[in-house]
C-alpha atoms as a PDB file:
ATOM      1  CA  MET A   1      26.184  16.384  15.315  1.00  0.00           C
ATOM      2  CA  THR A   2      28.910  13.709  16.034  1.00  0.00           C
ATOM      3  CA  GLU A   3      27.756  13.296  19.663  1.00  0.00           C
ATOM      4  CA  THR A   4      24.254  12.591  18.352  1.00  0.00           C
ATOM      5  CA  VAL A   5      25.383  10.113  15.838  1.00  0.00           C
ATOM      6  CA  ALA A   6      27.469   8.345  18.544  1.00  0.00           C
ATOM      7  CA  TYR A   7      24.398   8.247  20.732  1.00  0.00           C
ATOM      8  CA  ILE A   8      22.260   6.694  18.036  1.00  0.00           C
ATOM      9  CA  ARG A   9      24.996   4.109  17.452  1.00  0.00           C
ATOM     10  CA  ASN A  10      25.722   3.035  21.076  1.00  0.00           C
ATOM     11  CA  SER A  11      21.959   2.938  21.637  1.00  0.00           C
ATOM     12  CA  LEU A  12      21.327   0.453  18.881  1.00  0.00           C
ATOM     13  CA  LYS A  13      24.586  -1.532  18.761  1.00  0.00           C
ATOM     14  CA  ASP A  14      23.439  -4.257  20.984  1.00  0.00           C
ATOM     15  CA  MET A  15      20.004  -4.674  19.440  1.00  0.00           C
ATOM     16  CA  TYR A  16      20.454  -4.508  15.660  1.00  0.00           C
ATOM     17  CA  PRO A  17      23.170  -6.014  13.289  1.00  0.00           C
ATOM     18  CA  PRO A  18      25.988  -3.506  12.491  1.00  0.00           C
ATOM     19  CA  GLY A  19      24.827  -3.011   8.830  1.00  0.00           C
ATOM     20  CA  GLU A  20      21.267  -2.309   9.878  1.00  0.00           C
ATOM     21  CA  ALA A  21      22.162  -0.098  12.790  1.00  0.00           C
ATOM     22  CA  GLN A  22      24.431   2.010  10.330  1.00  0.00           C
ATOM     23  CA  ALA A  23      21.687   2.284   7.805  1.00  0.00           C
ATOM     24  CA  LEU A  24      19.232   3.455  10.691  1.00  0.00           C
ATOM     25  CA  VAL A  25      21.856   6.211  11.551  1.00  0.00           C
ATOM     26  CA  ARG A  26      21.863   7.417   8.058  1.00  0.00           C
ATOM     27  CA  LEU A  27      18.093   7.328   7.628  1.00  0.00           C
ATOM     28  CA  ILE A  28      17.459   9.209  10.944  1.00  0.00           C
ATOM     29  CA  MET A  29      19.948  11.951  10.292  1.00  0.00           C
ATOM     30  CA  GLU A  30      18.680  12.284   6.873  1.00  0.00           C
ATOM     31  CA  ARG A  31      14.944  12.372   7.591  1.00  0.00           C
ATOM     32  CA  VAL A  32      15.230  14.441  10.864  1.00  0.00           C
ATOM     33  CA  CYS A  33      18.149  16.700  10.175  1.00  0.00           C
ATOM     34  CA  GLY A  34      18.323  16.778   6.284  1.00  0.00           C
ATOM     35  CA  LEU A  35      22.032  15.596   6.401  1.00  0.00           C
ATOM     36  CA  SER A  36      23.199  13.538   3.433  1.00  0.00           C
ATOM     37  CA  THR A  37      25.530  10.414   3.738  1.00  0.00           C
ATOM     38  CA  TYR A  38      28.275  12.268   2.323  1.00  0.00           C
ATOM     39  CA  GLN A  39      27.914  14.945   5.175  1.00  0.00           C
ATOM     40  CA  LEU A  40      27.853  12.295   7.708  1.00  0.00           C
ATOM     41  CA  LEU A  41      31.031  10.448   6.336  1.00  0.00           C
ATOM     42  CA  LEU A  42      32.931  13.694   6.362  1.00  0.00           C
ATOM     43  CA  GLY A  43      31.693  14.472   9.773  1.00  0.00           C
ATOM     44  CA  LYS A  44      30.404  17.884   8.474  1.00  0.00           C
ATOM     45  CA  GLY A  45      27.027  19.011   9.531  1.00  0.00           C
ATOM     46  CA  LYS A  46      25.238  21.595  11.458  1.00  0.00           C
ATOM     47  CA  GLU A  47      24.482  22.077  15.030  1.00  0.00           C
ATOM     48  CA  LEU A  48      21.325  20.289  15.864  1.00  0.00           C
ATOM     49  CA  SER A  49      18.433  22.079  17.407  1.00  0.00           C
ATOM     50  CA  ASP A  50      16.789  21.086  20.666  1.00  0.00           C
ATOM     51  CA  THR A  51      13.664  19.998  18.507  1.00  0.00           C
ATOM     52  CA  GLU A  52      15.811  17.639  16.318  1.00  0.00           C
ATOM     53  CA  LYS A  53      17.702  16.130  19.324  1.00  0.00           C
ATOM     54  CA  PHE A  54      14.361  15.584  20.959  1.00  0.00           C
ATOM     55  CA  LYS A  55      12.816  13.840  17.940  1.00  0.00           C
ATOM     56  CA  ILE A  56      15.925  11.786  17.511  1.00  0.00           C
ATOM     57  CA  LYS A  57      15.587  10.632  21.107  1.00  0.00           C
ATOM     58  CA  GLU A  58      11.939   9.651  20.579  1.00  0.00           C
ATOM     59  CA  ILE A  59      12.824   7.612  17.531  1.00  0.00           C
ATOM     60  CA  VAL A  60      15.838   5.747  19.113  1.00  0.00           C
ATOM     61  CA  GLU A  61      13.593   4.880  22.195  1.00  0.00           C
ATOM     62  CA  GLY A  62      11.005   3.469  19.668  1.00  0.00           C
ATOM     63  CA  LEU A  63      13.695   1.415  17.826  1.00  0.00           C
ATOM     64  CA  ARG A  64      14.816  -0.133  21.051  1.00  0.00           C
ATOM     65  CA  LEU A  65      11.282  -1.267  21.549  1.00  0.00           C
ATOM     66  CA  TYR A  66      11.628  -2.742  17.922  1.00  0.00           C
ATOM     67  CA  LYS A  67       9.004  -0.393  16.456  1.00  0.00           C
ATOM     68  CA  PRO A  68       9.308  -0.054  12.686  1.00  0.00           C
ATOM     69  CA  ILE A  69      11.447   2.910  11.718  1.00  0.00           C
ATOM     70  CA  GLN A  70       8.878   3.944   8.906  1.00  0.00           C
ATOM     71  CA  TYR A  71       6.232   4.218  11.686  1.00  0.00           C
ATOM     72  CA  LEU A  72       8.584   6.272  13.889  1.00  0.00           C
ATOM     73  CA  LEU A  73       9.537   8.638  10.990  1.00  0.00           C
ATOM     74  CA  GLY A  74       5.920   8.574   9.650  1.00  0.00           C
ATOM     75  CA  ILE A  75       7.296   8.108   6.084  1.00  0.00           C
ATOM     76  CA  ALA A  76       7.988   5.040   3.811  1.00  0.00           C
ATOM     77  CA  ASP A  77       9.753   5.104   0.535  1.00  0.00           C
ATOM     78  CA  PHE A  78       7.899   3.261  -2.237  1.00  0.00           C
ATOM     79  CA  TYR A  79       8.605   3.153  -5.920  1.00  0.00           C
ATOM     80  CA  GLY A  80      10.413   6.433  -5.920  1.00  0.00           C
ATOM     81  CA  MET A  81       7.945   8.294  -3.979  1.00  0.00           C
ATOM     82  CA  GLU A  82       7.411   8.978  -0.400  1.00  0.00           C
ATOM     83  CA  PHE A  83       4.330   7.840   1.540  1.00  0.00           C
ATOM     84  CA  LYS A  84       2.862   8.665   4.895  1.00  0.00           C
ATOM     85  CA  VAL A  85       2.411   5.535   7.076  1.00  0.00           C
ATOM     86  CA  THR A  86       0.685   5.105  10.342  1.00  0.00           C
ATOM     87  CA  PRO A  87      -0.280   1.949  12.422  1.00  0.00           C
ATOM     88  CA  ASP A  88      -3.392   2.017  10.547  1.00  0.00           C
ATOM     89  CA  VAL A  89      -1.678   0.856   7.343  1.00  0.00           C
ATOM     90  CA  LEU A  90       0.841  -1.715   6.418  1.00  0.00           C
ATOM     91  CA  ILE A  91       4.275  -0.540   5.483  1.00  0.00           C
ATOM     92  CA  PRO A  92       4.784  -0.881   1.698  1.00  0.00           C
ATOM     93  CA  ARG A  93       7.223  -3.605   0.792  1.00  0.00           C
ATOM     94  CA  PRO A  94       9.540  -4.339  -2.222  1.00  0.00           C
ATOM     95  CA  GLU A  95       7.364  -7.240  -3.506  1.00  0.00           C
ATOM     96  CA  THR A  96       4.436  -4.836  -3.921  1.00  0.00           C
ATOM     97  CA  ALA A  97       6.647  -2.747  -5.978  1.00  0.00           C
ATOM     98  CA  GLU A  98       7.245  -5.596  -8.247  1.00  0.00           C
ATOM     99  CA  LEU A  99       3.434  -5.901  -8.571  1.00  0.00           C
ATOM    100  CA  VAL A 100       3.163  -2.229  -9.596  1.00  0.00           C
ATOM    101  CA  GLU A 101       5.908  -2.461 -12.070  1.00  0.00           C
ATOM    102  CA  ARG A 102       4.264  -5.455 -13.748  1.00  0.00           C
ATOM    103  CA  ILE A 103       1.079  -3.408 -14.219  1.00  0.00           C
ATOM    104  CA  ILE A 104       2.883  -0.253 -15.449  1.00  0.00           C
ATOM    105  CA  THR A 105       4.723  -2.401 -18.035  1.00  0.00           C
ATOM    106  CA  ASP A 106       1.482  -4.040 -19.120  1.00  0.00           C
ATOM    107  CA  TYR A 107      -0.422  -0.788 -19.456  1.00  0.00           C
ATOM    108  CA  ARG A 108       2.217   1.854 -20.581  1.00  0.00           C
ATOM    109  CA  GLY A 109       0.866   4.148 -23.215  1.00  0.00           C
ATOM    110  CA  GLN A 110      -2.781   3.241 -22.469  1.00  0.00           C
ATOM    111  CA  ALA A 111      -5.542   4.744 -20.474  1.00  0.00           C
ATOM    112  CA  PRO A 112      -6.939   1.904 -18.327  1.00  0.00           C
ATOM    113  CA  ARG A 113      -9.625   2.089 -15.633  1.00  0.00           C
ATOM    114  CA  ILE A 114      -8.016   0.583 -12.599  1.00  0.00           C
ATOM    115  CA  LEU A 115      -9.395  -0.462  -9.287  1.00  0.00           C
ATOM    116  CA  ASP A 116      -7.257  -1.205  -6.285  1.00  0.00           C
ATOM    117  CA  ILE A 117      -8.986  -3.319  -3.581  1.00  0.00           C
ATOM    118  CA  GLY A 118      -7.611  -2.953  -0.033  1.00  0.00           C
ATOM    119  CA  THR A 119      -5.588   0.069  -0.865  1.00  0.00           C
ATOM    120  CA  GLY A 120      -4.185   0.676   2.624  1.00  0.00           C
ATOM    121  CA  SER A 121      -1.673   3.593   2.373  1.00  0.00           C
ATOM    122  CA  GLY A 122      -2.701   3.912  -1.263  1.00  0.00           C
ATOM    123  CA  CYS A 123       0.792   2.995  -2.447  1.00  0.00           C
ATOM    124  CA  ILE A 124      -0.370   0.862  -5.339  1.00  0.00           C
ATOM    125  CA  ALA A 125      -3.192   3.111  -6.547  1.00  0.00           C
ATOM    126  CA  ILE A 126      -1.081   6.210  -6.295  1.00  0.00           C
ATOM    127  CA  SER A 127       1.931   4.728  -8.014  1.00  0.00           C
ATOM    128  CA  LEU A 128      -0.096   3.582 -10.855  1.00  0.00           C
ATOM    129  CA  ALA A 129      -1.708   7.063 -11.202  1.00  0.00           C
ATOM    130  CA  LYS A 130       1.520   8.687 -11.085  1.00  0.00           C
ATOM    131  CA  HIS A 131       3.144   6.416 -13.815  1.00  0.00           C
ATOM    132  CA  LEU A 132       0.200   5.694 -16.015  1.00  0.00           C
ATOM    133  CA  PRO A 133      -0.948   9.548 -16.535  1.00  0.00           C
ATOM    134  CA  GLY A 134      -3.800   8.470 -18.840  1.00  0.00           C
ATOM    135  CA  ALA A 135      -5.277   6.021 -16.301  1.00  0.00           C
ATOM    136  CA  GLU A 136      -8.413   6.508 -14.277  1.00  0.00           C
ATOM    137  CA  VAL A 137      -7.709   5.059 -10.752  1.00  0.00           C
ATOM    138  CA  ALA A 138     -10.112   4.238  -7.970  1.00  0.00           C
ATOM    139  CA  ALA A 139      -9.230   2.556  -4.631  1.00  0.00           C
ATOM    140  CA  VAL A 140     -11.322   0.926  -1.843  1.00  0.00           C
ATOM    141  CA  ASP A 141     -10.694  -0.101   1.714  1.00  0.00           C
ATOM    142  CA  ILE A 142     -12.782  -1.330   4.682  1.00  0.00           C
ATOM    143  CA  SER A 143     -10.805   1.066   7.085  1.00  0.00           C
ATOM    144  CA  PRO A 144     -11.819   4.696   7.184  1.00  0.00           C
ATOM    145  CA  GLU A 145      -8.595   5.364   9.077  1.00  0.00           C
ATOM    146  CA  ALA A 146      -6.650   3.765   6.119  1.00  0.00           C
ATOM    147  CA  LEU A 147      -8.503   5.871   3.518  1.00  0.00           C
ATOM    148  CA  ALA A 148      -7.630   9.059   5.438  1.00  0.00           C
ATOM    149  CA  VAL A 149      -3.934   8.186   5.185  1.00  0.00           C
ATOM    150  CA  ALA A 150      -4.293   7.270   1.473  1.00  0.00           C
ATOM    151  CA  GLU A 151      -5.966  10.604   0.764  1.00  0.00           C
ATOM    152  CA  GLU A 152      -3.184  12.439   2.260  1.00  0.00           C
ATOM    153  CA  ASN A 153      -0.702  10.431   0.123  1.00  0.00           C
ATOM    154  CA  ALA A 154      -2.608  11.258  -3.020  1.00  0.00           C
ATOM    155  CA  ARG A 155      -2.360  14.931  -2.038  1.00  0.00           C
ATOM    156  CA  LEU A 156       1.325  14.538  -1.197  1.00  0.00           C
ATOM    157  CA  ASN A 157       2.147  12.854  -4.557  1.00  0.00           C
ATOM    158  CA  GLN A 158      -0.180  15.118  -6.569  1.00  0.00           C
ATOM    159  CA  VAL A 159      -2.194  12.545  -8.346  1.00  0.00           C
ATOM    160  CA  SER A 160      -5.883  11.913  -8.950  1.00  0.00           C
ATOM    161  CA  VAL A 161      -7.423   8.926  -7.295  1.00  0.00           C
ATOM    162  CA  SER A 162     -10.952   8.164  -6.219  1.00  0.00           C
ATOM    163  CA  PHE A 163     -11.225   6.565  -2.706  1.00  0.00           C
ATOM    164  CA  LEU A 164     -14.276   4.568  -1.341  1.00  0.00           C
ATOM    165  CA  GLU A 165     -14.994   2.821   1.904  1.00  0.00           C
ATOM    166  CA  LEU A 166     -16.048  -0.758   0.988  1.00  0.00           C
ATOM    167  CA  ASP A 167     -15.865  -4.242   2.688  1.00  0.00           C
ATOM    168  CA  ILE A 168     -15.224  -6.558  -0.234  1.00  0.00           C
ATOM    169  CA  LEU A 169     -16.563  -9.539   1.813  1.00  0.00           C
ATOM    170  CA  SER A 170     -19.900  -7.926   2.443  1.00  0.00           C
ATOM    171  CA  GLU A 171     -22.923  -9.465   0.943  1.00  0.00           C
ATOM    172  CA  GLY A 172     -24.265  -6.039   0.120  1.00  0.00           C
ATOM    173  CA  TYR A 173     -21.623  -5.267  -2.484  1.00  0.00           C
ATOM    174  CA  PRO A 174     -22.973  -6.921  -5.588  1.00  0.00           C
ATOM    175  CA  SER A 175     -24.975  -3.953  -6.808  1.00  0.00           C
ATOM    176  CA  PHE A 176     -22.140  -1.694  -5.935  1.00  0.00           C
ATOM    177  CA  MET A 177     -21.029  -0.843  -9.512  1.00  0.00           C
ATOM    178  CA  GLN A 178     -23.899  -1.888 -11.810  1.00  0.00           C
ATOM    179  CA  GLY A 179     -23.135   0.667 -14.421  1.00  0.00           C
ATOM    180  CA  LYS A 180     -23.461   3.485 -12.088  1.00  0.00           C
ATOM    181  CA  LEU A 181     -21.980   3.922  -8.631  1.00  0.00           C
ATOM    182  CA  LYS A 182     -24.112   5.800  -6.147  1.00  0.00           C
ATOM    183  CA  PHE A 183     -22.015   7.748  -3.666  1.00  0.00           C
ATOM    184  CA  HIS A 184     -21.605  11.173  -2.059  1.00  0.00           C
ATOM    185  CA  VAL A 185     -18.628  12.952  -3.660  1.00  0.00           C
ATOM    186  CA  GLU A 186     -16.303  15.268  -1.632  1.00  0.00           C
ATOM    187  CA  GLU A 187     -13.657  16.525  -3.966  1.00  0.00           C
ATOM    188  CA  THR A 188     -10.628  18.550  -2.791  1.00  0.00           C
ATOM    189  CA  LYS A 189      -8.499  20.432  -5.382  1.00  0.00           C
ATOM    190  CA  VAL A 190      -4.744  20.385  -4.542  1.00  0.00           C
ATOM    191  CA  SER A 191      -3.100  23.712  -5.780  1.00  0.00           C
ATOM    192  CA  ARG A 192       0.249  22.360  -7.030  1.00  0.00           C
ATOM    193  CA  LYS A 193       2.501  22.780 -10.029  1.00  0.00           C
ATOM    194  CA  GLU A 194       0.683  20.098 -11.815  1.00  0.00           C
ATOM    195  CA  ASN A 195      -2.664  21.325 -10.721  1.00  0.00           C
ATOM    196  CA  LYS A 196      -3.916  17.724  -9.775  1.00  0.00           C
ATOM    197  CA  SER A 197      -6.628  16.694  -7.462  1.00  0.00           C
ATOM    198  CA  PHE A 198      -7.950  13.682  -5.598  1.00  0.00           C
ATOM    199  CA  THR A 199     -11.513  12.635  -4.926  1.00  0.00           C
ATOM    200  CA  TYR A 200     -12.665  10.732  -1.709  1.00  0.00           C
ATOM    201  CA  MET A 201     -16.021   8.998  -2.190  1.00  0.00           C
ATOM    202  CA  LYS A 202     -17.943   8.184   0.950  1.00  0.00           C
ATOM    203  CA  PRO A 203     -21.112   6.182   0.965  1.00  0.00           C
ATOM    204  CA  LYS A 204     -24.190   7.892   1.747  1.00  0.00           C
ATOM    205  CA  SER A 205     -26.830   6.646   4.136  1.00  0.00           C
ATOM    206  CA  HIS A 206     -30.018   5.412   2.777  1.00  0.00           C
ATOM    207  CA  THR A 207     -31.705   8.327   4.091  1.00  0.00           C
ATOM    208  CA  GLU A 208     -29.574  10.786   2.398  1.00  0.00           C
ATOM    209  CA  GLU A 209     -30.095  12.075  -1.265  1.00  0.00           C
ATOM    210  CA  THR A 210     -27.627  10.231  -3.477  1.00  0.00           C
ATOM    211  CA  ALA A 211     -25.516  11.533  -6.168  1.00  0.00           C
ATOM    212  CA  VAL A 212     -25.029   9.284  -9.126  1.00  0.00           C
ATOM    213  CA  SER A 213     -21.843   8.965 -10.982  1.00  0.00           C
ATOM    214  CA  PRO A 214     -20.949   6.790 -13.864  1.00  0.00           C
ATOM    215  CA  ILE A 215     -18.294   4.141 -13.263  1.00  0.00           C
ATOM    216  CA  GLY A 216     -18.396   1.312 -15.913  1.00  0.00           C
ATOM    217  CA  ASN A 217     -16.146  -1.567 -15.808  1.00  0.00           C
ATOM    218  CA  PHE A 218     -12.449  -1.662 -15.043  1.00  0.00           C
ATOM    219  CA  ASN A 219      -9.719  -2.820 -17.319  1.00  0.00           C
ATOM    220  CA  CYS A 220      -7.624  -3.893 -14.355  1.00  0.00           C
ATOM    221  CA  ILE A 221      -8.237  -4.865 -10.760  1.00  0.00           C
ATOM    222  CA  VAL A 222      -5.346  -5.188  -8.504  1.00  0.00           C
ATOM    223  CA  SER A 223      -5.140  -6.296  -4.829  1.00  0.00           C
ATOM    224  CA  ASN A 224      -2.574  -7.115  -2.062  1.00  0.00           C
ATOM    225  CA  PRO A 225      -5.204  -8.354   0.220  1.00  0.00           C
ATOM    226  CA  PRO A 226      -4.647 -10.061   3.840  1.00  0.00           C
ATOM    227  CA  TYR A 227      -2.942 -13.359   2.979  1.00  0.00           C
ATOM    228  CA  ILE A 228      -0.942 -14.566   5.961  1.00  0.00           C
ATOM    229  CA  MET A 229      -2.264 -17.618   7.570  1.00  0.00           C
ATOM    230  CA  ASN A 230      -2.708 -17.445  11.569  1.00  0.00           C
ATOM    231  CA  LYS A 231      -0.433 -20.543  11.752  1.00  0.00           C
ATOM    232  CA  GLU A 232       2.326 -18.540  10.143  1.00  0.00           C
ATOM    233  CA  LYS A 233       2.496 -15.940  13.073  1.00  0.00           C
ATOM    234  CA  ALA A 234       5.005 -18.164  14.907  1.00  0.00           C
ATOM    235  CA  THR A 235       7.598 -17.408  12.086  1.00  0.00           C
ATOM    236  CA  MET A 236       7.112 -13.791  11.769  1.00  0.00           C
ATOM    237  CA  GLU A 237       9.068 -10.904  13.147  1.00  0.00           C
ATOM    238  CA  ALA A 238       7.805  -9.480  16.393  1.00  0.00           C
ATOM    239  CA  ASN A 239       7.907  -5.939  15.099  1.00  0.00           C
ATOM    240  CA  VAL A 240       5.427  -6.719  12.416  1.00  0.00           C
ATOM    241  CA  LEU A 241       3.195  -8.892  14.738  1.00  0.00           C
ATOM    242  CA  GLU A 242       3.141  -6.111  17.405  1.00  0.00           C
ATOM    243  CA  ASN A 243       2.957  -2.844  15.265  1.00  0.00           C
ATOM    244  CA  GLU A 244       1.125  -3.493  11.743  1.00  0.00           C
ATOM    245  CA  PRO A 245      -2.448  -3.864  11.594  1.00  0.00           C
ATOM    246  CA  HIS A 246      -3.749  -7.499  11.803  1.00  0.00           C
ATOM    247  CA  LEU A 247      -6.818  -6.363   9.724  1.00  0.00           C
ATOM    248  CA  ALA A 248      -4.505  -6.143   6.697  1.00  0.00           C
ATOM    249  CA  LEU A 249      -2.417  -9.142   7.284  1.00  0.00           C
ATOM    250  CA  PHE A 250      -4.158 -12.379   8.412  1.00  0.00           C
ATOM    251  CA  VAL A 251      -6.686 -14.796   6.973  1.00  0.00           C
ATOM    252  CA  PRO A 252      -8.108 -18.064   8.574  1.00  0.00           C
ATOM    253  CA  ASP A 253      -5.975 -21.180   8.349  1.00  0.00           C
ATOM    254  CA  ASP A 254      -8.803 -23.056   6.749  1.00  0.00           C
ATOM    255  CA  ASP A 255      -9.655 -20.523   4.077  1.00  0.00           C
ATOM    256  CA  PRO A 256      -6.438 -18.727   2.947  1.00  0.00           C
ATOM    257  CA  LEU A 257      -8.076 -17.555  -0.304  1.00  0.00           C
ATOM    258  CA  LEU A 258     -10.959 -16.037   1.317  1.00  0.00           C
ATOM    259  CA  PHE A 259     -10.196 -12.498  -0.145  1.00  0.00           C
ATOM    260  CA  TYR A 260      -8.856 -13.694  -3.452  1.00  0.00           C
ATOM    261  CA  ARG A 261     -12.096 -15.626  -4.151  1.00  0.00           C
ATOM    262  CA  ALA A 262     -14.227 -12.586  -3.228  1.00  0.00           C
ATOM    263  CA  ILE A 263     -12.197 -10.459  -5.492  1.00  0.00           C
ATOM    264  CA  ALA A 264     -12.290 -12.892  -8.293  1.00  0.00           C
ATOM    265  CA  ARG A 265     -16.021 -12.913  -8.248  1.00  0.00           C
ATOM    266  CA  PHE A 266     -16.221  -9.241  -7.845  1.00  0.00           C
ATOM    267  CA  GLY A 267     -13.961  -9.131 -11.062  1.00  0.00           C
ATOM    268  CA  GLN A 268     -16.546 -11.256 -12.917  1.00  0.00           C
ATOM    269  CA  ARG A 269     -19.127  -8.511 -12.542  1.00  0.00           C
ATOM    270  CA  HIS A 270     -16.726  -5.495 -12.834  1.00  0.00           C
ATOM    271  CA  LEU A 271     -14.008  -6.238 -15.164  1.00  0.00           C
ATOM    272  CA  ALA A 272     -14.430  -5.228 -18.953  1.00  0.00           C
ATOM    273  CA  GLU A 273     -14.101  -7.868 -21.484  1.00  0.00           C
ATOM    274  CA  GLY A 274     -10.393  -8.875 -21.700  1.00  0.00           C
ATOM    275  CA  GLY A 275      -9.781  -7.162 -18.490  1.00  0.00           C
ATOM    276  CA  HIS A 276      -7.113  -8.436 -15.990  1.00  0.00           C
ATOM    277  CA  LEU A 277      -6.793  -9.263 -12.227  1.00  0.00           C
ATOM    278  CA  TYR A 278      -3.473  -8.811 -10.571  1.00  0.00           C
ATOM    279  CA  PHE A 279      -2.712 -10.310  -7.124  1.00  0.00           C
ATOM    280  CA  GLU A 280       0.107 -10.172  -4.699  1.00  0.00           C
ATOM    281  CA  ILE A 281      -0.067 -13.622  -3.105  1.00  0.00           C
ATOM    282  CA  ASN A 282       1.276 -15.791  -0.256  1.00  0.00           C
ATOM    283  CA  ALA A 283       4.062 -17.807  -1.575  1.00  0.00           C
ATOM    284  CA  LEU A 284       2.617 -20.801   0.079  1.00  0.00           C
ATOM    285  CA  CYS A 285      -0.611 -20.625  -1.859  1.00  0.00           C
ATOM    286  CA  GLY A 286       0.538 -19.945  -5.566  1.00  0.00           C
ATOM    287  CA  LYS A 287      -0.890 -23.140  -7.151  1.00  0.00           C
ATOM    288  CA  GLU A 288      -3.919 -23.002  -5.087  1.00  0.00           C
ATOM    289  CA  THR A 289      -4.691 -19.409  -6.258  1.00  0.00           C
ATOM    290  CA  VAL A 290      -4.112 -20.372  -9.773  1.00  0.00           C
ATOM    291  CA  ALA A 291      -6.591 -23.333  -9.560  1.00  0.00           C
ATOM    292  CA  MET A 292      -9.164 -21.182  -7.939  1.00  0.00           C
ATOM    293  CA  LEU A 293      -8.831 -18.464 -10.659  1.00  0.00           C
ATOM    294  CA  ARG A 294      -9.268 -21.138 -13.398  1.00  0.00           C
ATOM    295  CA  GLN A 295     -12.267 -22.675 -11.520  1.00  0.00           C
ATOM    296  CA  GLU A 296     -13.909 -19.096 -11.486  1.00  0.00           C
ATOM    297  CA  ASN A 297     -13.357 -19.144 -15.279  1.00  0.00           C
ATOM    298  CA  TYR A 298     -10.517 -16.832 -15.652  1.00  0.00           C
ATOM    299  CA  THR A 299      -8.141 -17.558 -18.467  1.00  0.00           C
ATOM    300  CA  GLU A 300      -4.413 -16.966 -19.331  1.00  0.00           C
ATOM    301  CA  VAL A 301      -3.598 -17.509 -15.563  1.00  0.00           C
ATOM    302  CA  GLU A 302       0.059 -16.606 -14.870  1.00  0.00           C
ATOM    303  CA  LEU A 303       1.987 -17.482 -11.626  1.00  0.00           C
ATOM    304  CA  ILE A 304       4.998 -14.941 -11.427  1.00  0.00           C
ATOM    305  CA  GLN A 305       7.939 -15.335  -9.101  1.00  0.00           C
ATOM    306  CA  ASP A 306       9.483 -12.236  -7.255  1.00  0.00           C
ATOM    307  CA  LEU A 307      13.169 -11.256  -7.158  1.00  0.00           C
ATOM    308  CA  TYR A 308      13.818 -14.008  -4.544  1.00  0.00           C
ATOM    309  CA  GLY A 309      12.305 -16.744  -6.697  1.00  0.00           C
ATOM    310  CA  LYS A 310       9.073 -17.187  -4.662  1.00  0.00           C
ATOM    311  CA  ASP A 311       5.600 -17.250  -6.091  1.00  0.00           C
ATOM    312  CA  ARG A 312       4.400 -13.608  -5.491  1.00  0.00           C
ATOM    313  CA  ILE A 313       2.127 -12.317  -8.182  1.00  0.00           C
ATOM    314  CA  VAL A 314      -0.802 -13.789 -10.132  1.00  0.00           C
ATOM    315  CA  LYS A 315      -2.177 -12.337 -13.283  1.00  0.00           C
ATOM    316  CA  ALA A 316      -5.452 -13.693 -14.961  1.00  0.00           C
ATOM    317  CA  LYS A 317      -7.731 -12.542 -17.815  1.00  0.00           C
ATOM    318  CA  ILE A 318     -11.453 -12.466 -17.709  1.00  0.00           C
END
């Protein structure tokens, strides 16, 4: 074990700051080998198998190419839970956890109907379903690959979430939830201690028979949509630019509120009276997002700063 730890340290020492390299050592040994920080500090561990050594070598080679550790491990931690991540979804970030915390605080003890738009890994929808047990949660994304990851994460975290493939910018969506949503339902029951399940709703073609399910309006619509302007690429870390899905990151420089405006108008149709929108936003566009929502007739618009003091969350009431 000590030889493997030394191999990781030596391989990363010239490429990562000492603190980050040490954190990577601990994370690799914990995830791959099941060894705690205490065991590593004491130098007490087990004899590693050839499979573990091979996996560690693969991860170290990836790190030397500056690939994100979460993709290399296939797992990211978020809001006290583990989520599967692939290059088809963004890696969940601490700022998004602040958005989740805000919604949980606002709806604790209630049974809201919640829609997460642009769900990606499902981290927002699944965290809300986990911590608001009375909630009915649905989530949409344009990417079927992302939805497949989100499905698996709902299963892993034993929550009930409905997933639907949807392009929020499509002109065809206005009739999407007019009282009743038409879709084909494929439900998979998960045999777990809590006996929970998830549902994946996939649109049917126009030639197929259509099942009709009541949907109604939502009390809460939340989204962390693409919001990074193309001109910001020059200031971004290479490991993000080269590995995370651009579909989920970028918007045109001349229309940075593209998704927020579309979701705000969607909310006008599908939020219940007194319902709320919650956005994670680009810190450069806080005032503009607030102004847009007021223009779209939302009230009680709040601009909320993250732990670093940057404009990061907007909350508005319909």
